[in-house]
PDB file of N, CA and C in Angstrom:
ATOM      1  N   MET A   1      77.258 157.067 173.219  1.00  0.00           N
ATOM      2  CA  MET A   1      77.541 157.279 171.815  1.00  0.00           C
ATOM      3  C   MET A   1      76.619 158.381 171.304  1.00  0.00           C
ATOM      4  N   PRO A   2      77.121 159.554 171.069  1.00  0.00           N
ATOM      5  CA  PRO A   2      76.270 160.656 170.595  1.00  0.00           C
ATOM      6  C   PRO A   2      75.927 160.495 169.106  1.00  0.00           C
ATOM      7  N   PHE A   3      74.687 160.827 168.783  1.00  0.00           N
ATOM      8  CA  PHE A   3      74.229 160.784 167.397  1.00  0.00           C
ATOM      9  C   PHE A   3      74.149 162.204 166.867  1.00  0.00           C
ATOM     10  N   ASP A   4      74.431 162.368 165.604  1.00  0.00           N
ATOM     11  CA  ASP A   4      74.231 163.674 165.003  1.00  0.00           C
ATOM     12  C   ASP A   4      72.796 163.791 164.490  1.00  0.00           C
ATOM     13  N   PHE A   5      72.426 164.966 164.079  1.00  0.00           N
ATOM     14  CA  PHE A   5      71.050 165.236 163.671  1.00  0.00           C
ATOM     15  C   PHE A   5      70.622 164.388 162.485  1.00  0.00           C
ATOM     16  N   ASP A   6      71.502 164.195 161.521  1.00  0.00           N
ATOM     17  CA  ASP A   6      71.137 163.429 160.323  1.00  0.00           C
ATOM     18  C   ASP A   6      70.835 161.961 160.651  1.00  0.00           C
ATOM     19  N   THR A   7      71.591 161.384 161.567  1.00  0.00           N
ATOM     20  CA  THR A   7      71.345 159.999 161.966  1.00  0.00           C
ATOM     21  C   THR A   7      70.009 159.867 162.677  1.00  0.00           C
ATOM     22  N   LEU A   8      69.747 160.780 163.599  1.00  0.00           N
ATOM     23  CA  LEU A   8      68.474 160.729 164.319  1.00  0.00           C
ATOM     24  C   LEU A   8      67.290 160.980 163.392  1.00  0.00           C
ATOM     25  N   ARG A   9      67.461 161.868 162.438  1.00  0.00           N
ATOM     26  CA  ARG A   9      66.390 162.129 161.479  1.00  0.00           C
ATOM     27  C   ARG A   9      66.113 160.893 160.629  1.00  0.00           C
ATOM     28  N   ALA A  10      67.158 160.186 160.203  1.00  0.00           N
ATOM     29  CA  ALA A  10      66.979 158.976 159.404  1.00  0.00           C
ATOM     30  C   ALA A  10      66.270 157.885 160.210  1.00  0.00           C
ATOM     31  N   ILE A  11      66.639 157.745 161.475  1.00  0.00           N
ATOM     32  CA  ILE A  11      65.980 156.764 162.339  1.00  0.00           C
ATOM     33  C   ILE A  11      64.509 157.128 162.533  1.00  0.00           C
ATOM     34  N   ALA A  12      64.227 158.396 162.761  1.00  0.00           N
ATOM     35  CA  ALA A  12      62.841 158.839 162.950  1.00  0.00           C
ATOM     36  C   ALA A  12      62.014 158.640 161.683  1.00  0.00           C
ATOM     37  N   LEU A  13      62.573 158.931 160.539  1.00  0.00           N
ATOM     38  CA  LEU A  13      61.844 158.728 159.277  1.00  0.00           C
ATOM     39  C   LEU A  13      61.581 157.246 159.020  1.00  0.00           C
ATOM     40  N   ALA A  14      62.544 156.397 159.323  1.00  0.00           N
ATOM     41  CA  ALA A  14      62.345 154.956 159.138  1.00  0.00           C
ATOM     42  C   ALA A  14      61.265 154.434 160.082  1.00  0.00           C
ATOM     43  N   ALA A  15      61.275 154.888 161.335  1.00  0.00           N
ATOM     44  CA  ALA A  15      60.255 154.453 162.298  1.00  0.00           C
ATOM     45  C   ALA A  15      58.874 154.959 161.891  1.00  0.00           C
ATOM     46  N   THR A  16      58.809 156.180 161.398  1.00  0.00           N
ATOM     47  CA  THR A  16      57.535 156.741 160.949  1.00  0.00           C
ATOM     48  C   THR A  16      57.004 155.978 159.737  1.00  0.00           C
ATOM     49  N   ALA A  17      57.881 155.645 158.804  1.00  0.00           N
ATOM     50  CA  ALA A  17      57.461 154.886 157.623  1.00  0.00           C
ATOM     51  C   ALA A  17      56.965 153.494 158.011  1.00  0.00           C
ATOM     52  N   LEU A  18      57.648 152.843 158.943  1.00  0.00           N
ATOM     53  CA  LEU A  18      57.205 151.527 159.411  1.00  0.00           C
ATOM     54  C   LEU A  18      55.850 151.615 160.096  1.00  0.00           C
ATOM     55  N   ALA A  19      55.656 152.634 160.938  1.00  0.00           N
ATOM     56  CA  ALA A  19      54.377 152.800 161.633  1.00  0.00           C
ATOM     57  C   ALA A  19      53.252 153.093 160.646  1.00  0.00           C
ATOM     58  N   ALA A  20      53.507 153.930 159.651  1.00  0.00           N
ATOM     59  CA  ALA A  20      52.474 154.254 158.656  1.00  0.00           C
ATOM     60  C   ALA A  20      52.116 153.018 157.823  1.00  0.00           C
ATOM     61  N   THR A  21      53.110 152.244 157.427  1.00  0.00           N
ATOM     62  CA  THR A  21      52.857 151.025 156.667  1.00  0.00           C
ATOM     63  C   THR A  21      52.042 150.024 157.480  1.00  0.00           C
ATOM     64  N   ALA A  22      52.409 149.865 158.741  1.00  0.00           N
ATOM     65  CA  ALA A  22      51.677 148.938 159.606  1.00  0.00           C
ATOM     66  C   ALA A  22      50.249 149.405 159.829  1.00  0.00           C
ATOM     67  N   TRP A  23      50.058 150.718 160.005  1.00  0.00           N
ATOM     68  CA  TRP A  23      48.709 151.250 160.217  1.00  0.00           C
ATOM     69  C   TRP A  23      47.843 151.023 158.984  1.00  0.00           C
ATOM     70  N   LEU A  24      48.378 151.306 157.801  1.00  0.00           N
ATOM     71  CA  LEU A  24      47.604 151.115 156.571  1.00  0.00           C
ATOM     72  C   LEU A  24      47.287 149.637 156.331  1.00  0.00           C
ATOM     73  N   ALA A  25      48.241 148.760 156.594  1.00  0.00           N
ATOM     74  CA  ALA A  25      48.003 147.332 156.411  1.00  0.00           C
ATOM     75  C   ALA A  25      46.978 146.810 157.416  1.00  0.00           C
ATOM     76  N   ASP A  26      47.034 147.309 158.646  1.00  0.00           N
ATOM     77  CA  ASP A  26      46.055 146.888 159.647  1.00  0.00           C
ATOM     78  C   ASP A  26      44.661 147.385 159.271  1.00  0.00           C
ATOM     79  N   ARG A  27      44.574 148.584 158.757  1.00  0.00           N
ATOM     80  CA  ARG A  27      43.282 149.130 158.311  1.00  0.00           C
ATOM     81  C   ARG A  27      42.725 148.304 157.157  1.00  0.00           C
ATOM     82  N   ARG A  28      43.617 147.928 156.233  1.00  0.00           N
ATOM     83  CA  ARG A  28      43.193 147.088 155.105  1.00  0.00           C
ATOM     84  C   ARG A  28      42.718 145.717 155.593  1.00  0.00           C
ATOM     85  N   ARG A  29      43.422 145.170 156.593  1.00  0.00           N
ATOM     86  CA  ARG A  29      43.045 143.866 157.147  1.00  0.00           C
ATOM     87  C   ARG A  29      41.669 143.931 157.804  1.00  0.00           C
ATOM     88  N   ILE A  30      41.389 145.003 158.519  1.00  0.00           N
ATOM     89  CA  ILE A  30      40.111 145.140 159.220  1.00  0.00           C
ATOM     90  C   ILE A  30      38.955 145.288 158.228  1.00  0.00           C
ATOM     91  N   ARG A  31      39.196 145.963 157.104  1.00  0.00           N
ATOM     92  CA  ARG A  31      38.132 146.249 156.144  1.00  0.00           C
ATOM     93  C   ARG A  31      38.018 145.222 155.021  1.00  0.00           C
ATOM     94  N   ARG A  32      38.666 144.069 155.120  1.00  0.00           N
ATOM     95  CA  ARG A  32      38.622 143.084 154.032  1.00  0.00           C
ATOM     96  C   ARG A  32      37.214 142.515 153.851  1.00  0.00           C
ATOM     97  N   ARG A  33      36.945 142.097 152.628  1.00  0.00           N
ATOM     98  CA  ARG A  33      35.606 141.573 152.300  1.00  0.00           C
ATOM     99  C   ARG A  33      35.386 140.185 152.846  1.00  0.00           C
ATOM    100  N   ASP A  34      36.395 139.339 152.762  1.00  0.00           N
ATOM    101  CA  ASP A  34      36.272 137.950 153.209  1.00  0.00           C
ATOM    102  C   ASP A  34      36.946 137.804 154.574  1.00  0.00           C
ATOM    103  N   PRO A  35      36.166 137.707 155.655  1.00  0.00           N
ATOM    104  CA  PRO A  35      36.763 137.626 156.991  1.00  0.00           C
ATOM    105  C   PRO A  35      37.606 136.374 157.220  1.00  0.00           C
ATOM    106  N   ASP A  36      37.410 135.347 156.389  1.00  0.00           N
ATOM    107  CA  ASP A  36      38.190 134.122 156.550  1.00  0.00           C
ATOM    108  C   ASP A  36      39.548 134.180 155.839  1.00  0.00           C
ATOM    109  N   ALA A  37      39.777 135.208 155.061  1.00  0.00           N
ATOM    110  CA  ALA A  37      41.052 135.346 154.350  1.00  0.00           C
ATOM    111  C   ALA A  37      42.059 136.060 155.250  1.00  0.00           C
ATOM    112  N   VAL A  38      42.640 135.289 156.141  1.00  0.00           N
ATOM    113  CA  VAL A  38      43.568 135.872 157.107  1.00  0.00           C
ATOM    114  C   VAL A  38      44.967 135.970 156.519  1.00  0.00           C
ATOM    115  N   GLY A  39      45.688 137.001 156.908  1.00  0.00           N
ATOM    116  CA  GLY A  39      47.060 137.184 156.462  1.00  0.00           C
ATOM    117  C   GLY A  39      48.039 136.569 157.447  1.00  0.00           C
ATOM    118  N   TRP A  40      49.319 136.717 157.165  1.00  0.00           N
ATOM    119  CA  TRP A  40      50.337 136.105 158.010  1.00  0.00           C
ATOM    120  C   TRP A  40      51.126 137.131 158.815  1.00  0.00           C
ATOM    121  N   MET A  41      50.958 138.435 158.530  1.00  0.00           N
ATOM    122  CA  MET A  41      51.750 139.460 159.209  1.00  0.00           C
ATOM    123  C   MET A  41      50.951 140.090 160.341  1.00  0.00           C
ATOM    124  N   PRO A  42      51.487 140.118 161.568  1.00  0.00           N
ATOM    125  CA  PRO A  42      50.771 140.737 162.702  1.00  0.00           C
ATOM    126  C   PRO A  42      50.954 142.257 162.684  1.00  0.00           C
ATOM    127  N   TRP A  43      50.215 142.965 161.820  1.00  0.00           N
ATOM    128  CA  TRP A  43      50.420 144.395 161.631  1.00  0.00           C
ATOM    129  C   TRP A  43      50.131 145.202 162.884  1.00  0.00           C
ATOM    130  N   THR A  44      49.176 144.783 163.691  1.00  0.00           N
ATOM    131  CA  THR A  44      48.887 145.516 164.917  1.00  0.00           C
ATOM    132  C   THR A  44      50.095 145.476 165.847  1.00  0.00           C
ATOM    133  N   ALA A  45      50.708 144.322 165.985  1.00  0.00           N
ATOM    134  CA  ALA A  45      51.900 144.208 166.841  1.00  0.00           C
ATOM    135  C   ALA A  45      53.059 145.010 166.267  1.00  0.00           C
ATOM    136  N   VAL A  46      53.219 145.014 164.951  1.00  0.00           N
ATOM    137  CA  VAL A  46      54.294 145.782 164.337  1.00  0.00           C
ATOM    138  C   VAL A  46      54.068 147.268 164.579  1.00  0.00           C
ATOM    139  N   PHE A  47      52.841 147.712 164.518  1.00  0.00           N
ATOM    140  CA  PHE A  47      52.528 149.124 164.718  1.00  0.00           C
ATOM    141  C   PHE A  47      52.795 149.555 166.171  1.00  0.00           C
ATOM    142  N   PHE A  48      52.385 148.733 167.134  1.00  0.00           N
ATOM    143  CA  PHE A  48      52.506 149.133 168.529  1.00  0.00           C
ATOM    144  C   PHE A  48      53.847 148.784 169.161  1.00  0.00           C
ATOM    145  N   PHE A  49      54.543 147.774 168.656  1.00  0.00           N
ATOM    146  CA  PHE A  49      55.795 147.334 169.251  1.00  0.00           C
ATOM    147  C   PHE A  49      56.914 147.299 168.209  1.00  0.00           C
ATOM    148  N   PRO A  50      57.404 148.462 167.772  1.00  0.00           N
ATOM    149  CA  PRO A  50      58.482 148.461 166.776  1.00  0.00           C
ATOM    150  C   PRO A  50      59.769 147.938 167.411  1.00  0.00           C
ATOM    151  N   PRO A  51      60.702 147.490 166.596  1.00  0.00           N
ATOM    152  CA  PRO A  51      61.976 146.995 167.140  1.00  0.00           C
ATOM    153  C   PRO A  51      62.725 148.096 167.879  1.00  0.00           C
ATOM    154  N   LEU A  52      63.389 147.736 168.952  1.00  0.00           N
ATOM    155  CA  LEU A  52      64.088 148.714 169.766  1.00  0.00           C
ATOM    156  C   LEU A  52      65.549 148.893 169.389  1.00  0.00           C
ATOM    157  N   SER A  53      66.049 148.089 168.480  1.00  0.00           N
ATOM    158  CA  SER A  53      67.472 148.187 168.148  1.00  0.00           C
ATOM    159  C   SER A  53      67.728 149.154 167.015  1.00  0.00           C
TER     160      SER A  53
END
């Protein structure tokens, strides 16, 4: 199934936005003031293992 340029660009922009969001959230998690205030989202896993579909 061939993709046109606009479809591939949209997929790349969505993947880049997801990676940037995960990176910023992971950075925020690492720098939090209260180490016992854990979140529920595994941002490191989201950053390194994006969905393949």
